[in-house]
């Protein structure tokens, strides 16, 4: 139960989510989940399709409420019944599709202005001024992509990697309590994915942002962050700290999954990779240019 002395960034209490209740298609996506994320945690979330990973992020973001009795508390505030647009004052999010979360017909600075004013009642025209532009340039410069010199360029003219890098800045520029990354490198080519992942860790570390990242890539999950959770059928079946996860290989992780849930791990997105000696074809943070 939460209290005034609770220093957690995110606390989920008795969270359940059922889709299509009372019908033949009823699905229990999240089952009585209790979960705490502490300041500056970088939590990677893995699990097979239907495990509840994206549903968990959607609940935190306010896309829909949990079942009655569940609580979502961010920085000590009960936000369970806040609408998504009001919840946006607490959360930043980057989606799998680079085109989601940005407006292609608006300029870079207009997109950043909207993101900066997230959760506030401000007009776009009033949000853009000299001081704000300087702030945007300062936020874009560490990306190393030259976007700070292209503030008036339409976002639709950017490459997928550039657009995802911009989305990353947009999701963090208003200093949210928690950053939600929903397979944000999955739609990118391997080189660009590697670069965007490095940019992600750079931004998270520089801005000291508490983060939850859903990924199908076990290598990335093991390499990035200080905590790893594995979900299965709406439950958290593994919760590993940095020391525990850093000692594991991918075969170890699969073995832990099978022991925890008593079934064979059969996610083609992972098993199609070369898991010999813990190696995969995945990309982990490195130094490359965004395509």
C-alpha atoms as a PDB file:
ATOM      1  CA  UNK A   1       0.000   0.000   0.000  1.00  0.00           C
ATOM      2  CA  UNK A   2       1.324   3.479  -0.880  1.00  0.00           C
ATOM      3  CA  UNK A   3       2.219   6.113   1.704  1.00  0.00           C
ATOM      4  CA  UNK A   4       3.513   9.661   1.926  1.00  0.00           C
ATOM      5  CA  UNK A   5       7.013   8.264   2.516  1.00  0.00           C
ATOM      6  CA  UNK A   6       6.902   6.188  -0.653  1.00  0.00           C
ATOM      7  CA  UNK A   7       9.834   7.275  -2.855  1.00  0.00           C
ATOM      8  CA  UNK A   8       8.959   5.051  -5.823  1.00  0.00           C
ATOM      9  CA  UNK A   9       8.362   6.551  -9.260  1.00  0.00           C
ATOM     10  CA  UNK A  10       5.691   4.018 -10.222  1.00  0.00           C
ATOM     11  CA  UNK A  11       3.603   1.722  -8.069  1.00  0.00           C
ATOM     12  CA  UNK A  12       1.006  -0.675  -9.437  1.00  0.00           C
ATOM     13  CA  UNK A  13      -1.331  -2.240  -6.885  1.00  0.00           C
ATOM     14  CA  UNK A  14      -3.659  -5.158  -7.653  1.00  0.00           C
ATOM     15  CA  UNK A  15      -3.703  -4.358 -11.375  1.00  0.00           C
ATOM     16  CA  UNK A  16      -5.925  -6.491 -13.578  1.00  0.00           C
ATOM     17  CA  UNK A  17      -7.018  -5.965 -17.163  1.00  0.00           C
ATOM     18  CA  UNK A  18      -9.656  -8.050 -18.933  1.00  0.00           C
ATOM     19  CA  UNK A  19     -10.612  -7.482 -22.549  1.00  0.00           C
ATOM     20  CA  UNK A  20     -14.051  -8.432 -23.910  1.00  0.00           C
ATOM     21  CA  UNK A  21     -15.354  -9.470 -20.452  1.00  0.00           C
ATOM     22  CA  UNK A  22     -18.352 -11.784 -20.397  1.00  0.00           C
ATOM     23  CA  UNK A  23     -17.898 -12.887 -24.014  1.00  0.00           C
ATOM     24  CA  UNK A  24     -16.397 -15.902 -25.758  1.00  0.00           C
ATOM     25  CA  UNK A  25     -13.380 -13.707 -26.569  1.00  0.00           C
ATOM     26  CA  UNK A  26     -12.662 -12.758 -22.948  1.00  0.00           C
ATOM     27  CA  UNK A  27      -8.933 -12.385 -22.337  1.00  0.00           C
ATOM     28  CA  UNK A  28      -7.233 -11.730 -18.999  1.00  0.00           C
ATOM     29  CA  UNK A  29      -4.271  -9.649 -20.194  1.00  0.00           C
ATOM     30  CA  UNK A  30      -2.950  -8.689 -16.743  1.00  0.00           C
ATOM     31  CA  UNK A  31      -3.537 -10.796 -13.624  1.00  0.00           C
ATOM     32  CA  UNK A  32      -3.485  -9.116 -10.196  1.00  0.00           C
ATOM     33  CA  UNK A  33      -0.116  -7.511 -10.799  1.00  0.00           C
ATOM     34  CA  UNK A  34       1.810  -5.662  -8.084  1.00  0.00           C
ATOM     35  CA  UNK A  35       4.917  -3.865  -9.273  1.00  0.00           C
ATOM     36  CA  UNK A  36       7.216  -1.068  -8.125  1.00  0.00           C
ATOM     37  CA  UNK A  37       9.674   0.976 -10.193  1.00  0.00           C
ATOM     38  CA  UNK A  38      12.195   3.037  -8.244  1.00  0.00           C
ATOM     39  CA  UNK A  39      13.919   6.296  -9.252  1.00  0.00           C
ATOM     40  CA  UNK A  40      16.354   5.872 -12.174  1.00  0.00           C
ATOM     41  CA  UNK A  41      15.428   2.226 -12.730  1.00  0.00           C
ATOM     42  CA  UNK A  42      15.808   1.142 -16.366  1.00  0.00           C
ATOM     43  CA  UNK A  43      13.527  -1.894 -16.582  1.00  0.00           C
ATOM     44  CA  UNK A  44      13.615  -4.094 -19.679  1.00  0.00           C
ATOM     45  CA  UNK A  45      10.465  -6.170 -20.198  1.00  0.00           C
ATOM     46  CA  UNK A  46      10.452  -9.369 -22.223  1.00  0.00           C
ATOM     47  CA  UNK A  47       7.978 -12.181 -22.881  1.00  0.00           C
ATOM     48  CA  UNK A  48       6.269 -13.960 -25.742  1.00  0.00           C
ATOM     49  CA  UNK A  49       3.353 -12.534 -27.729  1.00  0.00           C
ATOM     50  CA  UNK A  50       0.301 -12.085 -25.519  1.00  0.00           C
ATOM     51  CA  UNK A  51       2.346 -11.953 -22.320  1.00  0.00           C
ATOM     52  CA  UNK A  52       0.917  -8.538 -21.408  1.00  0.00           C
ATOM     53  CA  UNK A  53       3.982  -6.379 -22.072  1.00  0.00           C
ATOM     54  CA  UNK A  54       2.367  -3.653 -24.178  1.00  0.00           C
ATOM     55  CA  UNK A  55      -0.822  -3.852 -22.112  1.00  0.00           C
ATOM     56  CA  UNK A  56       1.275  -3.010 -19.061  1.00  0.00           C
ATOM     57  CA  UNK A  57       2.686   0.098 -20.773  1.00  0.00           C
ATOM     58  CA  UNK A  58      -0.781   1.084 -22.010  1.00  0.00           C
ATOM     59  CA  UNK A  59      -2.121   0.918 -18.465  1.00  0.00           C
ATOM     60  CA  UNK A  60       0.711   3.088 -17.163  1.00  0.00           C
ATOM     61  CA  UNK A  61       0.189   5.569 -20.016  1.00  0.00           C
ATOM     62  CA  UNK A  62      -3.556   5.772 -19.343  1.00  0.00           C
ATOM     63  CA  UNK A  63      -4.806   4.388 -22.638  1.00  0.00           C
ATOM     64  CA  UNK A  64      -7.369   2.504 -20.598  1.00  0.00           C
ATOM     65  CA  UNK A  65      -7.999   1.974 -16.882  1.00  0.00           C
ATOM     66  CA  UNK A  66      -7.360  -1.210 -14.909  1.00  0.00           C
ATOM     67  CA  UNK A  67     -10.244  -3.224 -13.524  1.00  0.00           C
ATOM     68  CA  UNK A  68     -11.958  -1.870 -10.424  1.00  0.00           C
ATOM     69  CA  UNK A  69      -9.781  -2.046  -7.324  1.00  0.00           C
ATOM     70  CA  UNK A  70      -6.454  -1.582  -9.087  1.00  0.00           C
ATOM     71  CA  UNK A  71      -4.301   1.491  -8.469  1.00  0.00           C
ATOM     72  CA  UNK A  72      -1.665   3.218 -10.572  1.00  0.00           C
ATOM     73  CA  UNK A  73       0.463   5.634  -8.554  1.00  0.00           C
ATOM     74  CA  UNK A  74       3.103   7.857 -10.141  1.00  0.00           C
ATOM     75  CA  UNK A  75       5.356   9.925  -7.879  1.00  0.00           C
ATOM     76  CA  UNK A  76       2.946   9.383  -5.019  1.00  0.00           C
ATOM     77  CA  UNK A  77      -0.126  10.575  -6.958  1.00  0.00           C
ATOM     78  CA  UNK A  78      -2.992   8.228  -7.703  1.00  0.00           C
ATOM     79  CA  UNK A  79      -3.462   8.632 -11.459  1.00  0.00           C
ATOM     80  CA  UNK A  80      -5.626   5.537 -11.978  1.00  0.00           C
ATOM     81  CA  UNK A  81      -8.617   7.410 -13.357  1.00  0.00           C
ATOM     82  CA  UNK A  82      -6.786  10.248 -15.101  1.00  0.00           C
ATOM     83  CA  UNK A  83      -7.516  10.462 -18.818  1.00  0.00           C
ATOM     84  CA  UNK A  84      -4.643   9.711 -21.190  1.00  0.00           C
ATOM     85  CA  UNK A  85      -4.057  13.377 -22.116  1.00  0.00           C
ATOM     86  CA  UNK A  86      -3.740  14.298 -18.434  1.00  0.00           C
ATOM     87  CA  UNK A  87      -1.553  11.256 -17.714  1.00  0.00           C
ATOM     88  CA  UNK A  88       0.789  12.608 -20.409  1.00  0.00           C
ATOM     89  CA  UNK A  89       2.113  15.099 -17.852  1.00  0.00           C
ATOM     90  CA  UNK A  90       3.678  12.118 -16.051  1.00  0.00           C
ATOM     91  CA  UNK A  91       4.774   9.878 -18.924  1.00  0.00           C
ATOM     92  CA  UNK A  92       6.756  10.037 -22.149  1.00  0.00           C
ATOM     93  CA  UNK A  93       6.450   7.325 -24.784  1.00  0.00           C
ATOM     94  CA  UNK A  94       8.188   6.139 -27.939  1.00  0.00           C
ATOM     95  CA  UNK A  95       6.300   3.693 -30.132  1.00  0.00           C
ATOM     96  CA  UNK A  96       7.503   0.920 -32.424  1.00  0.00           C
ATOM     97  CA  UNK A  97       6.428   2.781 -35.569  1.00  0.00           C
ATOM     98  CA  UNK A  98       8.585   5.922 -36.113  1.00  0.00           C
ATOM     99  CA  UNK A  99       5.563   7.668 -37.644  1.00  0.00           C
ATOM    100  CA  UNK A 100       3.546   7.362 -34.433  1.00  0.00           C
ATOM    101  CA  UNK A 101       4.005  10.128 -31.896  1.00  0.00           C
ATOM    102  CA  UNK A 102       5.157  12.712 -34.433  1.00  0.00           C
ATOM    103  CA  UNK A 103       3.188  14.838 -36.884  1.00  0.00           C
ATOM    104  CA  UNK A 104       4.725  14.544 -40.352  1.00  0.00           C
ATOM    105  CA  UNK A 105       3.191  17.767 -41.675  1.00  0.00           C
ATOM    106  CA  UNK A 106       4.544  19.877 -38.811  1.00  0.00           C
ATOM    107  CA  UNK A 107       8.125  21.071 -38.489  1.00  0.00           C
ATOM    108  CA  UNK A 108      10.650  19.698 -36.034  1.00  0.00           C
ATOM    109  CA  UNK A 109      10.239  22.726 -33.763  1.00  0.00           C
ATOM    110  CA  UNK A 110       6.438  22.502 -33.914  1.00  0.00           C
ATOM    111  CA  UNK A 111       6.562  18.838 -32.909  1.00  0.00           C
ATOM    112  CA  UNK A 112       8.942  19.666 -30.060  1.00  0.00           C
ATOM    113  CA  UNK A 113       6.690  22.513 -28.924  1.00  0.00           C
ATOM    114  CA  UNK A 114       3.722  20.190 -28.696  1.00  0.00           C
ATOM    115  CA  UNK A 115       5.810  17.682 -26.759  1.00  0.00           C
ATOM    116  CA  UNK A 116       7.192  20.353 -24.423  1.00  0.00           C
ATOM    117  CA  UNK A 117       3.657  21.470 -23.587  1.00  0.00           C
ATOM    118  CA  UNK A 118       2.410  17.918 -23.009  1.00  0.00           C
ATOM    119  CA  UNK A 119      -0.203  17.884 -20.268  1.00  0.00           C
ATOM    120  CA  UNK A 120      -0.510  21.690 -20.328  1.00  0.00           C
ATOM    121  CA  UNK A 121      -3.130  23.939 -21.922  1.00  0.00           C
ATOM    122  CA  UNK A 122      -0.941  25.988 -24.260  1.00  0.00           C
ATOM    123  CA  UNK A 123      -1.290  27.102 -27.859  1.00  0.00           C
ATOM    124  CA  UNK A 124       1.345  26.011 -30.373  1.00  0.00           C
ATOM    125  CA  UNK A 125       1.970  29.568 -31.566  1.00  0.00           C
ATOM    126  CA  UNK A 126       2.585  30.827 -28.033  1.00  0.00           C
ATOM    127  CA  UNK A 127       4.879  27.921 -27.255  1.00  0.00           C
ATOM    128  CA  UNK A 128       7.502  28.813 -29.894  1.00  0.00           C
ATOM    129  CA  UNK A 129       9.876  31.674 -29.083  1.00  0.00           C
ATOM    130  CA  UNK A 130      13.613  32.384 -29.134  1.00  0.00           C
ATOM    131  CA  UNK A 131      14.226  30.899 -25.706  1.00  0.00           C
ATOM    132  CA  UNK A 132      12.272  27.768 -26.583  1.00  0.00           C
ATOM    133  CA  UNK A 133      14.182  27.339 -29.852  1.00  0.00           C
ATOM    134  CA  UNK A 134      17.480  27.539 -27.978  1.00  0.00           C
ATOM    135  CA  UNK A 135      16.195  24.871 -25.611  1.00  0.00           C
ATOM    136  CA  UNK A 136      15.217  22.647 -28.541  1.00  0.00           C
ATOM    137  CA  UNK A 137      18.642  23.037 -30.154  1.00  0.00           C
ATOM    138  CA  UNK A 138      20.324  22.119 -26.892  1.00  0.00           C
ATOM    139  CA  UNK A 139      18.139  18.992 -26.614  1.00  0.00           C
ATOM    140  CA  UNK A 140      18.783  17.918 -30.227  1.00  0.00           C
ATOM    141  CA  UNK A 141      22.518  18.602 -30.357  1.00  0.00           C
ATOM    142  CA  UNK A 142      23.653  15.500 -28.360  1.00  0.00           C
ATOM    143  CA  UNK A 143      22.005  13.264 -30.994  1.00  0.00           C
ATOM    144  CA  UNK A 144      24.771  14.213 -33.415  1.00  0.00           C
ATOM    145  CA  UNK A 145      22.344  14.206 -36.352  1.00  0.00           C
ATOM    146  CA  UNK A 146      22.301  17.923 -37.158  1.00  0.00           C
ATOM    147  CA  UNK A 147      18.575  18.210 -36.453  1.00  0.00           C
ATOM    148  CA  UNK A 148      19.217  21.342 -34.399  1.00  0.00           C
ATOM    149  CA  UNK A 149      20.002  23.087 -37.709  1.00  0.00           C
ATOM    150  CA  UNK A 150      16.778  21.868 -39.322  1.00  0.00           C
ATOM    151  CA  UNK A 151      14.121  23.125 -36.908  1.00  0.00           C
ATOM    152  CA  UNK A 152      11.947  24.331 -39.795  1.00  0.00           C
ATOM    153  CA  UNK A 153      12.120  21.055 -41.716  1.00  0.00           C
ATOM    154  CA  UNK A 154       8.925  19.029 -41.909  1.00  0.00           C
ATOM    155  CA  UNK A 155       9.167  15.826 -39.909  1.00  0.00           C
ATOM    156  CA  UNK A 156       7.826  13.856 -42.875  1.00  0.00           C
ATOM    157  CA  UNK A 157      11.110  14.510 -44.704  1.00  0.00           C
ATOM    158  CA  UNK A 158      13.192  12.704 -42.039  1.00  0.00           C
ATOM    159  CA  UNK A 159      14.391   9.114 -42.288  1.00  0.00           C
ATOM    160  CA  UNK A 160      12.920   6.489 -39.968  1.00  0.00           C
ATOM    161  CA  UNK A 161      15.959   6.592 -37.714  1.00  0.00           C
ATOM    162  CA  UNK A 162      15.992  10.377 -37.527  1.00  0.00           C
ATOM    163  CA  UNK A 163      12.288  10.414 -36.782  1.00  0.00           C
ATOM    164  CA  UNK A 164      12.669   7.854 -33.995  1.00  0.00           C
ATOM    165  CA  UNK A 165      15.557   9.856 -32.524  1.00  0.00           C
ATOM    166  CA  UNK A 166      13.329  12.933 -32.605  1.00  0.00           C
ATOM    167  CA  UNK A 167      10.549  10.947 -30.917  1.00  0.00           C
ATOM    168  CA  UNK A 168      13.009  10.081 -28.168  1.00  0.00           C
ATOM    169  CA  UNK A 169      13.780  13.751 -27.559  1.00  0.00           C
ATOM    170  CA  UNK A 170      10.086  14.643 -27.720  1.00  0.00           C
ATOM    171  CA  UNK A 171       9.233  11.998 -25.134  1.00  0.00           C
ATOM    172  CA  UNK A 172      11.814  13.289 -22.653  1.00  0.00           C
ATOM    173  CA  UNK A 173      11.891  17.055 -23.227  1.00  0.00           C
ATOM    174  CA  UNK A 174       9.112  17.746 -20.725  1.00  0.00           C
ATOM    175  CA  UNK A 175      10.986  15.757 -18.027  1.00  0.00           C
ATOM    176  CA  UNK A 176       8.360  13.034 -17.476  1.00  0.00           C
ATOM    177  CA  UNK A 177       8.340  10.909 -14.346  1.00  0.00           C
ATOM    178  CA  UNK A 178       8.741   7.780 -16.449  1.00  0.00           C
ATOM    179  CA  UNK A 179       9.692   6.982 -20.037  1.00  0.00           C
ATOM    180  CA  UNK A 180       7.879   4.137 -21.813  1.00  0.00           C
ATOM    181  CA  UNK A 181       9.609   2.486 -24.778  1.00  0.00           C
ATOM    182  CA  UNK A 182       7.369   0.072 -26.672  1.00  0.00           C
ATOM    183  CA  UNK A 183       9.683  -1.991 -28.917  1.00  0.00           C
ATOM    184  CA  UNK A 184      10.957   1.325 -30.235  1.00  0.00           C
ATOM    185  CA  UNK A 185      13.810  -0.171 -32.287  1.00  0.00           C
ATOM    186  CA  UNK A 186      11.929  -3.196 -33.677  1.00  0.00           C
ATOM    187  CA  UNK A 187      10.864  -1.526 -36.943  1.00  0.00           C
ATOM    188  CA  UNK A 188      14.322  -0.151 -37.759  1.00  0.00           C
ATOM    189  CA  UNK A 189      17.062  -1.769 -39.821  1.00  0.00           C
ATOM    190  CA  UNK A 190      19.844  -3.362 -37.708  1.00  0.00           C
ATOM    191  CA  UNK A 191      22.363  -0.514 -38.037  1.00  0.00           C
ATOM    192  CA  UNK A 192      19.787   2.167 -37.284  1.00  0.00           C
ATOM    193  CA  UNK A 193      18.339   0.120 -34.425  1.00  0.00           C
ATOM    194  CA  UNK A 194      21.802  -0.128 -32.880  1.00  0.00           C
ATOM    195  CA  UNK A 195      22.262   3.621 -33.120  1.00  0.00           C
ATOM    196  CA  UNK A 196      18.838   4.519 -31.736  1.00  0.00           C
ATOM    197  CA  UNK A 197      19.420   2.130 -28.830  1.00  0.00           C
ATOM    198  CA  UNK A 198      22.703   3.877 -28.049  1.00  0.00           C
ATOM    199  CA  UNK A 199      20.998   7.276 -28.282  1.00  0.00           C
ATOM    200  CA  UNK A 200      18.335   5.948 -25.918  1.00  0.00           C
ATOM    201  CA  UNK A 201      20.814   4.891 -23.249  1.00  0.00           C
ATOM    202  CA  UNK A 202      22.677   8.197 -23.660  1.00  0.00           C
ATOM    203  CA  UNK A 203      19.496  10.262 -23.169  1.00  0.00           C
ATOM    204  CA  UNK A 204      18.255   8.150 -20.256  1.00  0.00           C
ATOM    205  CA  UNK A 205      21.602   8.353 -18.473  1.00  0.00           C
ATOM    206  CA  UNK A 206      22.118  12.052 -19.181  1.00  0.00           C
ATOM    207  CA  UNK A 207      18.616  13.098 -18.118  1.00  0.00           C
ATOM    208  CA  UNK A 208      18.419  10.503 -15.293  1.00  0.00           C
ATOM    209  CA  UNK A 209      15.010   9.325 -16.480  1.00  0.00           C
ATOM    210  CA  UNK A 210      13.260   6.300 -14.998  1.00  0.00           C
ATOM    211  CA  UNK A 211      12.470   3.977 -17.920  1.00  0.00           C
ATOM    212  CA  UNK A 212      10.465   0.879 -18.849  1.00  0.00           C
ATOM    213  CA  UNK A 213      11.337  -0.728 -22.188  1.00  0.00           C
ATOM    214  CA  UNK A 214       9.448  -3.561 -23.880  1.00  0.00           C
ATOM    215  CA  UNK A 215      11.569  -5.634 -26.243  1.00  0.00           C
ATOM    216  CA  UNK A 216      11.488  -9.033 -27.958  1.00  0.00           C
ATOM    217  CA  UNK A 217      15.273  -8.963 -28.154  1.00  0.00           C
ATOM    218  CA  UNK A 218      16.770 -10.944 -25.292  1.00  0.00           C
ATOM    219  CA  UNK A 219      20.292  -9.748 -26.020  1.00  0.00           C
ATOM    220  CA  UNK A 220      19.242  -6.121 -25.707  1.00  0.00           C
ATOM    221  CA  UNK A 221      17.234  -6.944 -22.581  1.00  0.00           C
ATOM    222  CA  UNK A 222      20.305  -8.470 -20.954  1.00  0.00           C
ATOM    223  CA  UNK A 223      22.694  -5.736 -22.096  1.00  0.00           C
ATOM    224  CA  UNK A 224      20.618  -2.652 -21.276  1.00  0.00           C
ATOM    225  CA  UNK A 225      19.301  -1.324 -17.991  1.00  0.00           C
ATOM    226  CA  UNK A 226      19.616  -2.321 -14.345  1.00  0.00           C
ATOM    227  CA  UNK A 227      16.586  -4.596 -14.089  1.00  0.00           C
ATOM    228  CA  UNK A 228      14.844  -7.205 -16.226  1.00  0.00           C
ATOM    229  CA  UNK A 229      11.356  -8.617 -15.873  1.00  0.00           C
ATOM    230  CA  UNK A 230       9.847 -11.469 -17.869  1.00  0.00           C
ATOM    231  CA  UNK A 231       6.087 -11.710 -18.332  1.00  0.00           C
ATOM    232  CA  UNK A 232       3.922 -14.705 -19.197  1.00  0.00           C
ATOM    233  CA  UNK A 233       0.140 -14.753 -19.532  1.00  0.00           C
ATOM    234  CA  UNK A 234      -0.292 -11.473 -17.687  1.00  0.00           C
ATOM    235  CA  UNK A 235       2.042 -12.308 -14.817  1.00  0.00           C
ATOM    236  CA  UNK A 236       5.596 -11.309 -13.935  1.00  0.00           C
ATOM    237  CA  UNK A 237       7.434 -14.612 -13.644  1.00  0.00           C
ATOM    238  CA  UNK A 238      10.993 -13.268 -13.354  1.00  0.00           C
ATOM    239  CA  UNK A 239      12.299 -10.036 -11.825  1.00  0.00           C
ATOM    240  CA  UNK A 240      16.088  -9.794 -12.008  1.00  0.00           C
ATOM    241  CA  UNK A 241      18.365  -7.053 -10.694  1.00  0.00           C
ATOM    242  CA  UNK A 242      21.486  -5.913 -12.557  1.00  0.00           C
ATOM    243  CA  UNK A 243      23.805  -8.437 -10.906  1.00  0.00           C
ATOM    244  CA  UNK A 244      21.506 -11.372 -11.646  1.00  0.00           C
ATOM    245  CA  UNK A 245      20.795 -10.483 -15.266  1.00  0.00           C
ATOM    246  CA  UNK A 246      24.408  -9.607 -16.077  1.00  0.00           C
ATOM    247  CA  UNK A 247      25.437 -13.127 -15.136  1.00  0.00           C
ATOM    248  CA  UNK A 248      22.990 -14.751 -17.582  1.00  0.00           C
ATOM    249  CA  UNK A 249      23.230 -15.776 -21.224  1.00  0.00           C
ATOM    250  CA  UNK A 250      20.196 -16.111 -23.480  1.00  0.00           C
ATOM    251  CA  UNK A 251      20.008 -19.913 -23.009  1.00  0.00           C
ATOM    252  CA  UNK A 252      20.144 -19.272 -19.234  1.00  0.00           C
ATOM    253  CA  UNK A 253      17.246 -16.846 -19.544  1.00  0.00           C
ATOM    254  CA  UNK A 254      15.183 -19.292 -21.588  1.00  0.00           C
ATOM    255  CA  UNK A 255      15.901 -21.975 -18.999  1.00  0.00           C
ATOM    256  CA  UNK A 256      14.795 -19.640 -16.195  1.00  0.00           C
ATOM    257  CA  UNK A 257      11.574 -18.964 -18.096  1.00  0.00           C
ATOM    258  CA  UNK A 258      10.835 -22.660 -18.528  1.00  0.00           C
ATOM    259  CA  UNK A 259      11.471 -23.344 -14.842  1.00  0.00           C
ATOM    260  CA  UNK A 260       9.277 -20.427 -13.749  1.00  0.00           C
ATOM    261  CA  UNK A 261       6.231 -21.236 -15.887  1.00  0.00           C
ATOM    262  CA  UNK A 262       6.642 -24.986 -16.436  1.00  0.00           C
ATOM    263  CA  UNK A 263       6.369 -24.819 -20.206  1.00  0.00           C
ATOM    264  CA  UNK A 264       8.652 -24.673 -23.242  1.00  0.00           C
ATOM    265  CA  UNK A 265       9.650 -21.239 -24.445  1.00  0.00           C
ATOM    266  CA  UNK A 266       8.455 -20.944 -28.047  1.00  0.00           C
ATOM    267  CA  UNK A 267       8.722 -17.360 -29.248  1.00  0.00           C
ATOM    268  CA  UNK A 268       9.834 -17.513 -32.883  1.00  0.00           C
ATOM    269  CA  UNK A 269      11.122 -13.940 -32.753  1.00  0.00           C
ATOM    270  CA  UNK A 270      13.799 -15.127 -30.361  1.00  0.00           C
ATOM    271  CA  UNK A 271      14.309 -18.762 -31.295  1.00  0.00           C
ATOM    272  CA  UNK A 272      14.936 -17.949 -34.969  1.00  0.00           C
ATOM    273  CA  UNK A 273      18.148 -16.293 -33.779  1.00  0.00           C
ATOM    274  CA  UNK A 274      21.392 -18.108 -33.053  1.00  0.00           C
ATOM    275  CA  UNK A 275      21.310 -18.776 -29.319  1.00  0.00           C
ATOM    276  CA  UNK A 276      24.520 -20.818 -29.265  1.00  0.00           C
ATOM    277  CA  UNK A 277      26.666 -19.673 -26.327  1.00  0.00           C
ATOM    278  CA  UNK A 278      24.158 -16.932 -25.642  1.00  0.00           C
ATOM    279  CA  UNK A 279      24.724 -15.146 -28.945  1.00  0.00           C
ATOM    280  CA  UNK A 280      22.026 -13.698 -31.181  1.00  0.00           C
ATOM    281  CA  UNK A 281      21.838 -11.581 -34.294  1.00  0.00           C
ATOM    282  CA  UNK A 282      20.453  -8.730 -32.232  1.00  0.00           C
ATOM    283  CA  UNK A 283      22.018  -5.320 -31.927  1.00  0.00           C
ATOM    284  CA  UNK A 284      23.254  -3.781 -28.700  1.00  0.00           C
ATOM    285  CA  UNK A 285      24.403  -0.196 -28.191  1.00  0.00           C
ATOM    286  CA  UNK A 286      27.305   0.796 -30.403  1.00  0.00           C
ATOM    287  CA  UNK A 287      28.637   3.685 -32.472  1.00  0.00           C
ATOM    288  CA  UNK A 288      26.980   4.044 -35.879  1.00  0.00           C
ATOM    289  CA  UNK A 289      25.296   6.782 -37.886  1.00  0.00           C
ATOM    290  CA  UNK A 290      21.526   6.934 -38.177  1.00  0.00           C
ATOM    291  CA  UNK A 291      20.436   6.052 -41.678  1.00  0.00           C
END
